[in-house]
Amino acid sequence: MTSTLSIIIPVYNEKDTIKILLNRVYNHKLTNIKRELIIIESNSTDGSREYVKNFAQDKKDVRLILEDKPQGKGHALRVGFKKATGDIILIQDADLEYDVNDYEKLIRPILESKTMFVLGSRHLSEDGKRNWGIRKFHGTERIYAYFMNFGGLFLHAFFNVLYGTDISDPTTMYKVFSRDILKKIHLEGNYFELDWEIVSKFIRLGVKPIEIPIKYSSRSPKQGKKVKLSRDIMKWLVTIIKFRYYPLNKL
């Protein structure tokens, strides 16, 4: 039986990248696997909404969900997960930080029944070496890059100690997983903490990911990056700790 891949794409104010990204995803051909694109547009104010509405017209394998207001990336993803019909789910941001040419190697371990959960690691090279300095910006944004790199190093180490794992990149966007395991958890995060919630709950279920090295080209706040350590780090820490000790029957 041919598998179906559901590609979940949350969109909010991405006018500089959305056209290129959607065309790259839509035109990328997968071998021996069906696919559907589920776009969740959160009422952008920069013209992104109008573009995705035009893009989705007359495309049977594209489903467009129009939200009345922005409620966070996590909320948009949760809406998309509920609409997904594929047996494999892949998260795709609307920017250009990640390369769609990595799709095949990300879904292969699931198709080959080696795992039910794959992470595309930005911190792993093809030879298995780890690199924590994945963000390199110029001018005043070098300070942002430093704190994001250092903050990621701290949070990843904290997570691994708490959960007894050795994951290089739990916060990667490229999370690919079987819909069967998604049915076993209840997700609640509305913002970027959903990244941590997904990994935390799958690991608590005993589903540890296979990590696959991927290509990554980071964007800065000036280019539209929405994550902010000052705003998000406490939510991340609360999420990590909360779901480590959450009752298994309530995950």
Protein backbone atom coordinates (compact mmCIF):
# COMPACT_ATOMS: atom_id res chain seq x y z
CA MET A 1 0.00 0.00 0.00
CA THR A 2 1.32 3.44 -0.95
CA SER A 3 1.95 5.77 1.98
CA THR A 4 0.74 9.37 2.07
CA LEU A 5 2.82 12.25 3.42
CA SER A 6 0.98 15.19 4.97
CA ILE A 7 3.13 18.34 4.79
CA ILE A 8 1.90 20.86 7.37
CA ILE A 9 2.76 24.50 6.56
CA PRO A 10 1.84 27.30 9.00
CA VAL A 11 1.94 30.76 7.41
CA TYR A 12 1.95 34.19 9.03
CA ASN A 13 3.49 37.30 7.44
CA GLU A 14 5.96 35.51 5.16
CA LYS A 15 5.59 37.59 1.98
CA ASP A 16 9.33 37.53 1.27
CA THR A 17 9.55 33.73 1.18
CA ILE A 18 6.11 32.17 0.80
CA LYS A 19 5.99 32.15 -3.01
CA ILE A 20 9.38 30.47 -3.37
CA LEU A 21 8.73 28.01 -0.53
CA LEU A 22 5.31 26.83 -1.70
CA ASN A 23 6.51 26.34 -5.25
CA ARG A 24 9.54 24.39 -4.05
CA VAL A 25 7.40 22.12 -1.90
CA TYR A 26 4.68 21.65 -4.49
CA ASN A 27 7.08 20.95 -7.36
CA HIS A 28 9.26 18.57 -5.37
CA LYS A 29 8.52 15.07 -6.60
CA LEU A 30 8.47 12.15 -4.18
CA THR A 31 9.00 8.59 -5.39
CA ASN A 32 6.41 5.95 -4.51
CA ILE A 33 4.60 8.12 -2.00
CA LYS A 34 1.52 10.33 -2.24
CA ARG A 35 1.43 13.71 -0.59
CA GLU A 36 -0.91 16.45 0.53
CA LEU A 37 -0.09 20.03 1.48
CA ILE A 38 -2.02 21.50 4.38
CA ILE A 39 -1.52 25.26 4.65
CA ILE A 40 -2.75 27.07 7.75
CA GLU A 41 -2.85 30.82 7.11
CA SER A 42 -3.22 32.90 10.26
CA ASN A 43 -4.63 36.15 8.80
CA SER A 44 -1.38 37.77 7.67
CA THR A 45 -1.24 41.53 7.18
CA ASP A 46 1.50 41.59 4.53
CA GLY A 47 -0.21 39.97 1.54
CA SER A 48 0.72 36.35 2.35
CA ARG A 49 -2.97 35.44 2.78
CA GLU A 50 -3.90 36.58 -0.71
CA TYR A 51 -0.99 34.67 -2.24
CA VAL A 52 -1.78 31.35 -0.56
CA LYS A 53 -5.45 31.66 -1.50
CA ASN A 54 -4.48 32.01 -5.15
CA PHE A 55 -1.89 29.25 -4.86
CA ALA A 56 -4.34 26.73 -3.42
CA GLN A 57 -6.97 27.27 -6.10
CA ASP A 58 -7.64 24.22 -8.32
CA LYS A 59 -5.00 22.08 -6.58
CA LYS A 60 -6.67 18.91 -5.32
CA ASP A 61 -3.69 17.93 -3.16
CA VAL A 62 -3.57 21.30 -1.36
CA ARG A 63 -5.88 22.08 1.58
CA LEU A 64 -6.04 25.66 2.80
CA ILE A 65 -7.24 26.53 6.29
CA LEU A 66 -7.87 30.24 6.92
CA GLU A 67 -7.70 31.33 10.55
CA ASP A 68 -9.54 34.43 11.73
CA LYS A 69 -6.56 35.68 13.71
CA PRO A 70 -2.98 34.68 14.53
CA GLN A 71 -2.87 32.39 17.56
CA GLY A 72 0.71 31.15 17.32
CA LYS A 73 2.65 28.63 15.26
CA GLY A 74 1.83 25.84 17.68
CA HIS A 75 -1.88 26.49 17.38
CA ALA A 76 -1.67 26.52 13.57
CA LEU A 77 0.20 23.22 13.58
CA ARG A 78 -2.35 21.59 15.89
CA VAL A 79 -5.12 22.67 13.51
CA GLY A 80 -3.16 21.19 10.61
CA PHE A 81 -2.52 17.91 12.42
CA LYS A 82 -6.26 17.42 12.91
CA LYS A 83 -6.90 17.86 9.20
CA ALA A 84 -4.06 15.59 8.05
CA THR A 85 -5.07 12.36 6.34
CA GLY A 86 -1.59 11.01 5.62
CA ASP A 87 0.00 8.20 7.60
CA ILE A 88 3.24 10.23 7.82
CA ILE A 89 3.34 13.88 8.93
CA LEU A 90 6.09 16.41 8.20
CA ILE A 91 6.31 19.98 9.54
CA GLN A 92 7.45 22.63 7.05
CA ASP A 93 7.92 26.30 7.94
CA ALA A 94 7.07 28.99 5.38
CA ASP A 95 10.61 30.39 5.29
CA LEU A 96 13.67 29.16 3.41
CA GLU A 97 15.88 27.95 6.28
CA TYR A 98 15.41 24.28 5.39
CA ASP A 99 15.86 22.37 2.12
CA VAL A 100 12.96 20.36 0.67
CA ASN A 101 15.51 18.10 -1.01
CA ASP A 102 15.98 16.50 2.41
CA TYR A 103 12.44 15.08 2.40
CA GLU A 104 13.38 11.67 1.01
CA LYS A 105 16.02 10.86 3.60
CA LEU A 106 13.79 12.13 6.40
CA ILE A 107 10.84 9.90 5.54
CA ARG A 108 12.88 6.83 4.54
CA PRO A 109 13.44 5.46 8.09
CA ILE A 110 9.66 5.55 8.67
CA LEU A 111 8.87 3.93 5.32
CA GLU A 112 11.40 1.21 6.14
CA SER A 113 9.78 0.67 9.58
CA LYS A 114 12.99 1.57 11.40
CA THR A 115 11.27 4.18 13.56
CA MET A 116 8.06 6.16 13.90
CA PHE A 117 9.81 9.48 14.59
CA VAL A 118 12.58 11.32 12.73
CA LEU A 119 14.31 14.61 13.49
CA GLY A 120 16.24 16.50 10.81
CA SER A 121 19.27 17.69 12.76
CA ARG A 122 20.89 21.03 11.97
CA HIS A 123 23.69 20.20 14.39
CA LEU A 124 24.88 16.93 12.83
CA SER A 125 27.24 16.64 9.88
CA GLU A 126 27.20 13.66 7.53
CA ASP A 127 30.17 12.16 9.40
CA GLY A 128 28.36 12.39 12.74
CA LYS A 129 30.20 15.41 14.15
CA ARG A 130 28.22 18.00 16.10
CA ASN A 131 28.22 21.72 15.40
CA TRP A 132 26.48 24.09 17.80
CA GLY A 133 27.28 27.37 16.00
CA ILE A 134 24.61 27.06 13.33
CA ARG A 135 23.67 30.76 13.32
CA LYS A 136 26.19 33.22 11.91
CA PHE A 137 25.02 36.79 11.32
CA HIS A 138 26.75 40.11 10.73
CA GLY A 139 26.78 43.45 12.50
CA THR A 140 24.66 43.86 15.62
CA GLU A 141 22.84 40.61 14.87
CA ARG A 142 25.98 38.66 15.76
CA ILE A 143 24.93 39.15 19.41
CA TYR A 144 21.55 37.58 18.64
CA ALA A 145 23.30 34.68 16.91
CA TYR A 146 25.57 34.15 19.93
CA PHE A 147 22.71 34.05 22.41
CA MET A 148 20.59 31.79 20.19
CA ASN A 149 23.50 29.37 19.74
CA PHE A 150 24.41 29.38 23.42
CA GLY A 151 20.77 29.22 24.51
CA GLY A 152 20.20 26.23 22.24
CA LEU A 153 23.26 24.48 23.65
CA PHE A 154 22.02 24.99 27.22
CA LEU A 155 18.42 23.97 26.53
CA HIS A 156 19.38 20.87 24.56
CA ALA A 157 21.77 19.76 27.31
CA PHE A 158 19.13 20.41 29.99
CA PHE A 159 16.55 18.41 28.03
CA ASN A 160 18.92 15.48 27.50
CA VAL A 161 19.84 15.28 31.18
CA LEU A 162 16.20 15.42 32.24
CA TYR A 163 14.96 12.85 29.72
CA GLY A 164 18.02 10.58 29.63
CA THR A 165 18.54 11.13 25.90
CA ASP A 166 21.33 12.28 23.60
CA ILE A 167 19.43 14.27 20.97
CA SER A 168 21.42 16.90 19.10
CA ASP A 169 18.51 19.00 17.85
CA PRO A 170 15.12 18.63 19.57
CA THR A 171 14.02 22.06 18.31
CA THR A 172 14.52 21.43 14.61
CA MET A 173 11.54 22.30 12.45
CA TYR A 174 11.91 19.07 10.49
CA LYS A 175 9.92 16.74 12.69
CA VAL A 176 8.56 13.74 10.79
CA PHE A 177 6.39 11.15 12.49
CA SER A 178 3.72 8.52 12.05
CA ARG A 179 0.15 9.70 12.52
CA ASP A 180 -0.38 6.58 14.63
CA ILE A 181 1.79 7.95 17.43
CA LEU A 182 0.30 11.42 17.11
CA LYS A 183 -3.06 9.86 18.00
CA LYS A 184 -1.60 8.72 21.33
CA ILE A 185 -0.92 12.21 22.68
CA HIS A 186 -2.88 15.41 23.23
CA LEU A 187 -0.98 18.54 22.18
CA GLU A 188 -1.76 21.87 23.83
CA GLY A 189 1.03 24.37 23.01
CA ASN A 190 0.12 27.43 20.95
CA TYR A 191 3.54 28.89 20.29
CA PHE A 192 7.10 27.69 19.75
CA GLU A 193 6.97 25.52 22.88
CA LEU A 194 5.07 22.95 20.80
CA ASP A 195 8.46 21.86 19.41
CA TRP A 196 9.49 20.74 22.89
CA GLU A 197 6.08 19.29 23.69
CA ILE A 198 6.10 16.96 20.68
CA VAL A 199 9.56 15.57 21.43
CA SER A 200 8.89 15.35 25.18
CA LYS A 201 5.67 13.40 24.80
CA PHE A 202 6.94 11.01 22.13
CA ILE A 203 9.97 10.17 24.28
CA ARG A 204 7.76 9.65 27.35
CA LEU A 205 5.83 7.14 25.22
CA GLY A 206 9.11 5.33 24.54
CA VAL A 207 9.37 6.55 20.93
CA LYS A 208 12.90 7.88 20.51
CA PRO A 209 13.79 9.61 17.24
CA ILE A 210 16.35 8.78 14.61
CA GLU A 211 18.31 11.95 13.75
CA ILE A 212 19.22 12.67 10.14
CA PRO A 213 21.70 15.42 9.16
CA ILE A 214 20.07 18.16 7.06
CA LYS A 215 21.05 21.36 5.30
CA TYR A 216 20.23 24.58 7.11
CA SER A 217 20.57 28.29 6.31
CA SER A 218 19.49 30.42 9.26
CA ARG A 219 17.65 33.70 8.89
CA SER A 220 17.96 36.67 11.23
CA PRO A 221 15.26 38.77 12.92
CA LYS A 222 15.68 41.38 10.18
CA GLN A 223 14.84 38.65 7.68
CA GLY A 224 11.70 37.65 9.58
CA LYS A 225 12.84 35.24 12.30
CA LYS A 226 10.08 35.17 14.91
CA VAL A 227 11.66 33.27 17.81
CA LYS A 228 12.75 35.52 20.68
CA LEU A 229 14.72 34.12 23.61
CA SER A 230 13.54 36.88 25.96
CA ARG A 231 9.91 35.96 25.25
CA ASP A 232 10.05 32.23 24.60
CA ILE A 233 12.72 30.71 26.84
CA MET A 234 10.55 30.50 29.96
CA LYS A 235 7.78 28.79 28.01
CA TRP A 236 10.33 26.27 26.74
CA LEU A 237 11.71 25.53 30.20
CA VAL A 238 8.23 25.13 31.67
CA THR A 239 7.25 22.78 28.83
CA ILE A 240 10.38 20.65 29.20
CA ILE A 241 9.94 20.23 32.95
CA LYS A 242 6.15 19.91 32.91
CA PHE A 243 5.96 17.01 30.48
CA ARG A 244 8.91 15.16 31.99
CA TYR A 245 6.80 14.56 35.10
CA TYR A 246 3.34 14.61 33.56
CA PRO A 247 1.25 11.44 34.21
CA LEU A 248 1.65 9.05 31.29
CA ASN A 249 -2.09 8.51 31.04
CA LYS A 250 -2.61 12.24 30.46
CA LEU A 251 -0.04 12.82 27.72
